[in-house]
N, C-alpha and C. Protein backbone atom coordinates (compact mmCIF):
# COMPACT_ATOMS: atom_id res chain seq x y z
N MET A 1 -24.71 -16.15 1.94
CA MET A 1 -24.34 -14.82 1.51
C MET A 1 -25.51 -13.83 1.65
N PRO A 2 -26.68 -14.15 1.13
CA PRO A 2 -27.75 -13.16 1.22
C PRO A 2 -28.25 -12.92 2.65
N ASN A 3 -28.12 -13.90 3.52
CA ASN A 3 -28.65 -13.77 4.87
C ASN A 3 -27.67 -13.14 5.86
N ASN A 4 -26.39 -13.40 5.71
CA ASN A 4 -25.42 -12.87 6.65
C ASN A 4 -24.09 -12.63 5.93
N SER A 5 -24.01 -11.51 5.25
CA SER A 5 -22.84 -11.24 4.43
C SER A 5 -21.58 -11.01 5.26
N GLN A 6 -21.72 -10.51 6.50
CA GLN A 6 -20.54 -10.32 7.34
C GLN A 6 -19.93 -11.67 7.75
N ALA A 7 -20.79 -12.64 8.02
CA ALA A 7 -20.29 -13.98 8.33
C ALA A 7 -19.61 -14.58 7.10
N ALA A 8 -20.14 -14.26 5.92
CA ALA A 8 -19.54 -14.74 4.68
C ALA A 8 -18.14 -14.17 4.50
N VAL A 9 -17.95 -12.91 4.88
CA VAL A 9 -16.62 -12.30 4.80
C VAL A 9 -15.66 -13.03 5.74
N GLY A 10 -16.10 -13.30 6.95
CA GLY A 10 -15.27 -14.03 7.90
C GLY A 10 -14.89 -15.41 7.39
N LEU A 11 -15.86 -16.10 6.83
CA LEU A 11 -15.60 -17.43 6.27
C LEU A 11 -14.62 -17.33 5.10
N ALA A 12 -14.83 -16.37 4.24
CA ALA A 12 -13.94 -16.19 3.08
C ALA A 12 -12.51 -15.94 3.53
N LYS A 13 -12.34 -15.13 4.56
CA LYS A 13 -10.99 -14.85 5.06
C LYS A 13 -10.35 -16.12 5.62
N MET A 14 -11.17 -16.97 6.26
CA MET A 14 -10.63 -18.21 6.82
C MET A 14 -10.22 -19.20 5.75
N ILE A 15 -10.99 -19.31 4.68
CA ILE A 15 -10.70 -20.34 3.67
C ILE A 15 -9.63 -19.92 2.67
N THR A 16 -9.23 -18.67 2.68
CA THR A 16 -8.18 -18.24 1.77
C THR A 16 -6.83 -18.12 2.47
N VAL A 17 -6.65 -18.92 3.48
CA VAL A 17 -5.36 -18.98 4.17
C VAL A 17 -4.30 -19.38 3.15
N ARG A 18 -3.14 -18.82 3.29
CA ARG A 18 -2.06 -19.10 2.34
C ARG A 18 -1.20 -20.27 2.82
N ASP A 19 -0.68 -21.03 1.86
CA ASP A 19 0.21 -22.14 2.20
C ASP A 19 1.61 -21.59 2.50
N ALA A 20 2.55 -22.48 2.72
CA ALA A 20 3.91 -22.07 3.09
C ALA A 20 4.60 -21.23 2.02
N THR A 21 4.19 -21.37 0.77
CA THR A 21 4.80 -20.60 -0.32
C THR A 21 4.08 -19.28 -0.57
N GLY A 22 3.01 -19.01 0.18
CA GLY A 22 2.29 -17.76 0.03
C GLY A 22 1.11 -17.81 -0.93
N VAL A 23 0.83 -19.00 -1.45
CA VAL A 23 -0.27 -19.17 -2.40
C VAL A 23 -1.55 -19.47 -1.61
N PRO A 24 -2.65 -18.75 -1.93
CA PRO A 24 -3.91 -19.02 -1.22
C PRO A 24 -4.41 -20.43 -1.51
N LYS A 25 -4.92 -21.09 -0.48
CA LYS A 25 -5.43 -22.45 -0.65
C LYS A 25 -6.74 -22.47 -1.42
N THR A 26 -7.49 -21.39 -1.35
CA THR A 26 -8.73 -21.23 -2.12
C THR A 26 -8.52 -20.07 -3.08
N PRO A 27 -8.87 -20.22 -4.36
CA PRO A 27 -8.65 -19.13 -5.31
C PRO A 27 -9.42 -17.86 -4.90
N ILE A 28 -8.70 -16.78 -4.76
CA ILE A 28 -9.31 -15.51 -4.37
C ILE A 28 -10.35 -15.08 -5.39
N GLU A 29 -10.06 -15.31 -6.66
CA GLU A 29 -10.99 -14.92 -7.73
C GLU A 29 -12.37 -15.55 -7.54
N SER A 30 -12.40 -16.80 -7.11
CA SER A 30 -13.67 -17.50 -6.91
C SER A 30 -14.48 -16.86 -5.80
N VAL A 31 -13.82 -16.49 -4.74
CA VAL A 31 -14.50 -15.85 -3.61
C VAL A 31 -15.05 -14.49 -4.05
N VAL A 32 -14.24 -13.73 -4.76
CA VAL A 32 -14.67 -12.41 -5.24
C VAL A 32 -15.89 -12.56 -6.14
N GLN A 33 -15.88 -13.54 -7.01
CA GLN A 33 -17.01 -13.77 -7.92
C GLN A 33 -18.30 -13.99 -7.15
N VAL A 34 -18.24 -14.76 -6.08
CA VAL A 34 -19.44 -15.02 -5.28
C VAL A 34 -19.96 -13.73 -4.66
N PHE A 35 -19.06 -12.94 -4.06
CA PHE A 35 -19.49 -11.67 -3.46
C PHE A 35 -20.12 -10.76 -4.50
N LEU A 36 -19.50 -10.67 -5.66
CA LEU A 36 -20.01 -9.76 -6.69
C LEU A 36 -21.31 -10.25 -7.31
N GLU A 37 -21.54 -11.55 -7.34
CA GLU A 37 -22.82 -12.07 -7.82
C GLU A 37 -23.98 -11.55 -6.98
N PHE A 38 -23.71 -11.26 -5.72
CA PHE A 38 -24.72 -10.74 -4.81
C PHE A 38 -24.59 -9.22 -4.63
N SER A 39 -23.77 -8.59 -5.47
CA SER A 39 -23.55 -7.14 -5.44
C SER A 39 -23.09 -6.64 -4.07
N LYS A 40 -22.23 -7.39 -3.44
CA LYS A 40 -21.72 -7.05 -2.11
C LYS A 40 -20.36 -6.35 -2.25
N VAL A 41 -20.40 -5.09 -2.61
CA VAL A 41 -19.17 -4.32 -2.84
C VAL A 41 -18.40 -4.11 -1.55
N GLN A 42 -19.08 -3.71 -0.50
CA GLN A 42 -18.41 -3.46 0.77
C GLN A 42 -17.74 -4.74 1.28
N GLU A 43 -18.43 -5.86 1.17
CA GLU A 43 -17.88 -7.13 1.63
C GLU A 43 -16.73 -7.59 0.74
N THR A 44 -16.86 -7.36 -0.56
CA THR A 44 -15.78 -7.70 -1.49
C THR A 44 -14.53 -6.90 -1.13
N THR A 45 -14.73 -5.62 -0.85
CA THR A 45 -13.62 -4.75 -0.48
C THR A 45 -12.95 -5.22 0.80
N ALA A 46 -13.75 -5.52 1.81
CA ALA A 46 -13.19 -5.99 3.09
C ALA A 46 -12.39 -7.27 2.89
N PHE A 47 -12.94 -8.18 2.12
CA PHE A 47 -12.25 -9.44 1.86
C PHE A 47 -10.94 -9.21 1.11
N LEU A 48 -10.99 -8.43 0.03
CA LEU A 48 -9.80 -8.22 -0.78
C LEU A 48 -8.71 -7.46 -0.03
N LEU A 49 -9.08 -6.51 0.78
CA LEU A 49 -8.07 -5.79 1.56
C LEU A 49 -7.28 -6.76 2.44
N GLU A 50 -7.97 -7.72 2.99
CA GLU A 50 -7.30 -8.73 3.83
C GLU A 50 -6.53 -9.74 2.96
N ALA A 51 -7.17 -10.23 1.92
CA ALA A 51 -6.57 -11.28 1.10
C ALA A 51 -5.34 -10.81 0.33
N LEU A 52 -5.29 -9.52 0.01
CA LEU A 52 -4.19 -9.01 -0.81
C LEU A 52 -3.13 -8.26 -0.01
N LYS A 53 -3.17 -8.39 1.29
CA LYS A 53 -2.29 -7.57 2.13
C LYS A 53 -0.80 -7.85 1.95
N ILE A 54 -0.42 -8.96 1.32
CA ILE A 54 1.01 -9.21 1.10
C ILE A 54 1.54 -8.49 -0.15
N ASN A 55 0.63 -7.87 -0.91
CA ASN A 55 1.01 -7.07 -2.09
C ASN A 55 1.85 -7.88 -3.08
N SER A 56 1.36 -9.04 -3.46
CA SER A 56 2.07 -9.93 -4.37
C SER A 56 1.92 -9.48 -5.83
N PRO A 57 3.00 -9.51 -6.59
CA PRO A 57 2.92 -9.16 -8.01
C PRO A 57 1.96 -10.07 -8.79
N ASN A 58 1.82 -11.32 -8.33
CA ASN A 58 0.92 -12.27 -9.00
C ASN A 58 -0.55 -11.90 -8.83
N GLU A 59 -0.85 -10.99 -7.92
CA GLU A 59 -2.23 -10.63 -7.64
C GLU A 59 -2.56 -9.21 -8.08
N GLY A 60 -1.76 -8.68 -9.00
CA GLY A 60 -1.99 -7.33 -9.52
C GLY A 60 -3.36 -7.19 -10.15
N HIS A 61 -3.83 -8.23 -10.83
CA HIS A 61 -5.16 -8.16 -11.45
C HIS A 61 -6.26 -8.03 -10.40
N LEU A 62 -6.05 -8.62 -9.24
CA LEU A 62 -7.03 -8.50 -8.16
C LEU A 62 -6.96 -7.13 -7.50
N GLN A 63 -5.76 -6.57 -7.41
CA GLN A 63 -5.63 -5.21 -6.92
C GLN A 63 -6.37 -4.25 -7.85
N THR A 64 -6.23 -4.48 -9.15
CA THR A 64 -6.93 -3.66 -10.14
C THR A 64 -8.43 -3.80 -9.97
N LYS A 65 -8.90 -5.02 -9.79
CA LYS A 65 -10.33 -5.29 -9.60
C LYS A 65 -10.86 -4.55 -8.37
N LEU A 66 -10.12 -4.62 -7.28
CA LEU A 66 -10.52 -3.93 -6.05
C LEU A 66 -10.68 -2.43 -6.29
N LEU A 67 -9.72 -1.84 -6.95
CA LEU A 67 -9.80 -0.41 -7.21
C LEU A 67 -10.92 -0.07 -8.20
N GLU A 68 -11.10 -0.89 -9.21
CA GLU A 68 -12.18 -0.68 -10.19
C GLU A 68 -13.55 -0.69 -9.52
N ILE A 69 -13.79 -1.70 -8.71
CA ILE A 69 -15.11 -1.82 -8.08
C ILE A 69 -15.40 -0.59 -7.23
N ASN A 70 -14.40 -0.15 -6.51
CA ASN A 70 -14.61 0.98 -5.62
C ASN A 70 -14.67 2.31 -6.37
N LEU A 71 -13.92 2.45 -7.45
CA LEU A 71 -14.03 3.67 -8.24
C LEU A 71 -15.43 3.81 -8.84
N MET A 72 -16.03 2.67 -9.18
CA MET A 72 -17.38 2.69 -9.77
C MET A 72 -18.48 2.92 -8.74
N SER A 73 -18.32 2.39 -7.54
CA SER A 73 -19.42 2.43 -6.58
C SER A 73 -19.15 3.23 -5.32
N ALA A 74 -17.90 3.38 -4.96
CA ALA A 74 -17.55 4.10 -3.72
C ALA A 74 -16.22 4.81 -3.90
N PRO A 75 -16.20 5.90 -4.67
CA PRO A 75 -14.94 6.59 -4.97
C PRO A 75 -14.17 7.03 -3.72
N GLN A 76 -14.88 7.34 -2.64
CA GLN A 76 -14.20 7.76 -1.42
C GLN A 76 -13.38 6.60 -0.84
N VAL A 77 -13.91 5.40 -0.95
CA VAL A 77 -13.20 4.22 -0.47
C VAL A 77 -11.95 3.99 -1.34
N ALA A 78 -12.12 4.12 -2.65
CA ALA A 78 -10.97 3.97 -3.55
C ALA A 78 -9.89 4.98 -3.20
N GLU A 79 -10.29 6.20 -2.94
CA GLU A 79 -9.32 7.23 -2.56
C GLU A 79 -8.59 6.84 -1.27
N GLY A 80 -9.34 6.31 -0.32
CA GLY A 80 -8.73 5.85 0.92
C GLY A 80 -7.73 4.74 0.70
N ILE A 81 -8.06 3.83 -0.19
CA ILE A 81 -7.14 2.72 -0.51
C ILE A 81 -5.87 3.28 -1.14
N PHE A 82 -6.02 4.24 -2.04
CA PHE A 82 -4.85 4.88 -2.65
C PHE A 82 -3.98 5.55 -1.59
N GLN A 83 -4.61 6.25 -0.67
CA GLN A 83 -3.87 6.98 0.36
C GLN A 83 -3.11 6.04 1.30
N LEU A 84 -3.64 4.85 1.51
CA LEU A 84 -2.95 3.89 2.36
C LEU A 84 -1.69 3.33 1.71
N ASN A 85 -1.63 3.45 0.38
CA ASN A 85 -0.46 2.98 -0.38
C ASN A 85 -0.15 1.51 -0.10
N LEU A 86 -1.20 0.68 -0.10
CA LEU A 86 -1.06 -0.74 0.19
C LEU A 86 -0.63 -1.56 -1.01
N PHE A 87 -1.02 -1.11 -2.20
CA PHE A 87 -0.84 -1.93 -3.40
C PHE A 87 0.02 -1.22 -4.44
N THR A 88 0.88 -2.00 -5.08
CA THR A 88 1.77 -1.42 -6.08
C THR A 88 1.75 -2.18 -7.42
N HIS A 89 0.94 -3.21 -7.51
CA HIS A 89 0.99 -4.05 -8.71
C HIS A 89 -0.27 -3.96 -9.57
N PHE A 90 -1.13 -3.00 -9.31
CA PHE A 90 -2.36 -2.85 -10.11
C PHE A 90 -2.03 -2.23 -11.46
N ASP A 91 -2.97 -2.33 -12.38
CA ASP A 91 -2.82 -1.78 -13.72
C ASP A 91 -3.01 -0.26 -13.64
N ARG A 92 -1.91 0.45 -13.55
CA ARG A 92 -1.95 1.90 -13.34
C ARG A 92 -2.63 2.64 -14.48
N GLU A 93 -2.37 2.22 -15.70
CA GLU A 93 -2.98 2.89 -16.86
C GLU A 93 -4.50 2.74 -16.83
N ARG A 94 -4.96 1.56 -16.57
CA ARG A 94 -6.41 1.30 -16.53
C ARG A 94 -7.08 2.11 -15.41
N ILE A 95 -6.47 2.11 -14.26
CA ILE A 95 -7.03 2.85 -13.12
C ILE A 95 -6.97 4.36 -13.37
N ALA A 96 -5.89 4.82 -13.95
CA ALA A 96 -5.76 6.26 -14.26
C ALA A 96 -6.88 6.71 -15.20
N LYS A 97 -7.20 5.90 -16.20
CA LYS A 97 -8.29 6.23 -17.12
C LYS A 97 -9.61 6.32 -16.40
N MET A 98 -9.82 5.42 -15.44
CA MET A 98 -11.07 5.45 -14.68
C MET A 98 -11.14 6.69 -13.78
N CYS A 99 -10.01 7.12 -13.29
CA CYS A 99 -9.97 8.30 -12.41
C CYS A 99 -10.26 9.60 -13.16
N GLU A 100 -9.98 9.61 -14.45
CA GLU A 100 -10.22 10.82 -15.25
C GLU A 100 -11.66 11.05 -15.37
């Protein structure tokens, strides 16, 4: 991670392949934790955008996490994510409070 974070993103995307039922084979939360331990916000964002692209209701907490991290460190990126209208299961109340 510290030496080649872009390669880490590629690896993370490969290991979180979903099974036939749509469940990731590797817990997304674990991968996010590793990225955040190294303060890799951009890489965390890239990974989560790919990992959450099916917009599953079960992953609303991760959608919330993605928006939170970007509202805190890169508000323009968060705005871009909102404009893409990719996610619908995040905690709207929590995110709205952060936007105020």
